[in-house]
């Protein structure tokens, strides 16, 4: 979902989750990948890993 550049609201709607849950996991992924900026960078990084 992130690699498709979907926003938090889109993910929340698609999976019927709380926005805090999605935000927490996005921050966790960004941290584990040693990134410092927004999910746009995460989308790019995930796209290169596929």
C-alpha atoms as a PDB file:
ATOM      1  CA  UNK A   1       0.000   0.000   0.000  1.00  0.00           C
ATOM      2  CA  UNK A   2       2.800   2.396   0.854  1.00  0.00           C
ATOM      3  CA  UNK A   3       4.774   1.492  -2.267  1.00  0.00           C
ATOM      4  CA  UNK A   4       1.684   2.560  -4.249  1.00  0.00           C
ATOM      5  CA  UNK A   5       1.901   5.985  -2.545  1.00  0.00           C
ATOM      6  CA  UNK A   6      -1.401   5.552  -0.716  1.00  0.00           C
ATOM      7  CA  UNK A   7      -1.936   7.756   2.303  1.00  0.00           C
ATOM      8  CA  UNK A   8      -2.729   6.781   5.864  1.00  0.00           C
ATOM      9  CA  UNK A   9      -6.443   7.485   5.334  1.00  0.00           C
ATOM     10  CA  UNK A  10      -6.522   5.127   2.347  1.00  0.00           C
ATOM     11  CA  UNK A  11      -4.855   2.346   4.334  1.00  0.00           C
ATOM     12  CA  UNK A  12      -7.152   2.912   7.318  1.00  0.00           C
ATOM     13  CA  UNK A  13     -10.200   2.616   5.083  1.00  0.00           C
ATOM     14  CA  UNK A  14      -8.941  -0.421   3.157  1.00  0.00           C
ATOM     15  CA  UNK A  15      -8.118  -2.460   6.266  1.00  0.00           C
ATOM     16  CA  UNK A  16     -10.584  -0.970   8.751  1.00  0.00           C
ATOM     17  CA  UNK A  17      -7.806   0.071  11.158  1.00  0.00           C
ATOM     18  CA  UNK A  18      -7.246   3.039  13.446  1.00  0.00           C
ATOM     19  CA  UNK A  19      -5.046   5.800  12.039  1.00  0.00           C
ATOM     20  CA  UNK A  20      -2.833   5.605  15.151  1.00  0.00           C
ATOM     21  CA  UNK A  21      -2.128   1.935  14.378  1.00  0.00           C
ATOM     22  CA  UNK A  22      -1.104   2.692  10.809  1.00  0.00           C
ATOM     23  CA  UNK A  23       1.016   5.670  11.885  1.00  0.00           C
ATOM     24  CA  UNK A  24       2.781   3.581  14.530  1.00  0.00           C
ATOM     25  CA  UNK A  25       3.730   0.881  12.035  1.00  0.00           C
ATOM     26  CA  UNK A  26       4.847   3.417   9.419  1.00  0.00           C
ATOM     27  CA  UNK A  27       7.134   5.078  11.975  1.00  0.00           C
ATOM     28  CA  UNK A  28       8.457   1.655  12.940  1.00  0.00           C
ATOM     29  CA  UNK A  29       9.274   0.759   9.318  1.00  0.00           C
ATOM     30  CA  UNK A  30      10.941   4.127   8.735  1.00  0.00           C
ATOM     31  CA  UNK A  31      13.023   3.636  11.873  1.00  0.00           C
ATOM     32  CA  UNK A  32      14.075   0.083  10.961  1.00  0.00           C
ATOM     33  CA  UNK A  33      15.122   1.225   7.498  1.00  0.00           C
ATOM     34  CA  UNK A  34      17.149   4.088   9.050  1.00  0.00           C
ATOM     35  CA  UNK A  35      15.206   6.729   7.160  1.00  0.00           C
ATOM     36  CA  UNK A  36      14.646  10.282   8.294  1.00  0.00           C
ATOM     37  CA  UNK A  37      11.813  11.669   6.142  1.00  0.00           C
ATOM     38  CA  UNK A  38       8.196  10.986   5.171  1.00  0.00           C
ATOM     39  CA  UNK A  39       6.488   7.902   3.768  1.00  0.00           C
ATOM     40  CA  UNK A  40       7.261   9.108   0.237  1.00  0.00           C
ATOM     41  CA  UNK A  41      10.833   8.038   0.881  1.00  0.00           C
ATOM     42  CA  UNK A  42       9.515   4.810   2.399  1.00  0.00           C
ATOM     43  CA  UNK A  43       7.482   4.160  -0.750  1.00  0.00           C
ATOM     44  CA  UNK A  44      10.570   4.678  -2.880  1.00  0.00           C
ATOM     45  CA  UNK A  45      12.637   2.400  -0.657  1.00  0.00           C
ATOM     46  CA  UNK A  46      10.006  -0.342  -0.652  1.00  0.00           C
ATOM     47  CA  UNK A  47       9.656  -0.050  -4.404  1.00  0.00           C
ATOM     48  CA  UNK A  48      13.361  -0.740  -4.896  1.00  0.00           C
ATOM     49  CA  UNK A  49      13.208  -3.772  -2.582  1.00  0.00           C
ATOM     50  CA  UNK A  50      10.457  -5.518  -4.582  1.00  0.00           C
END
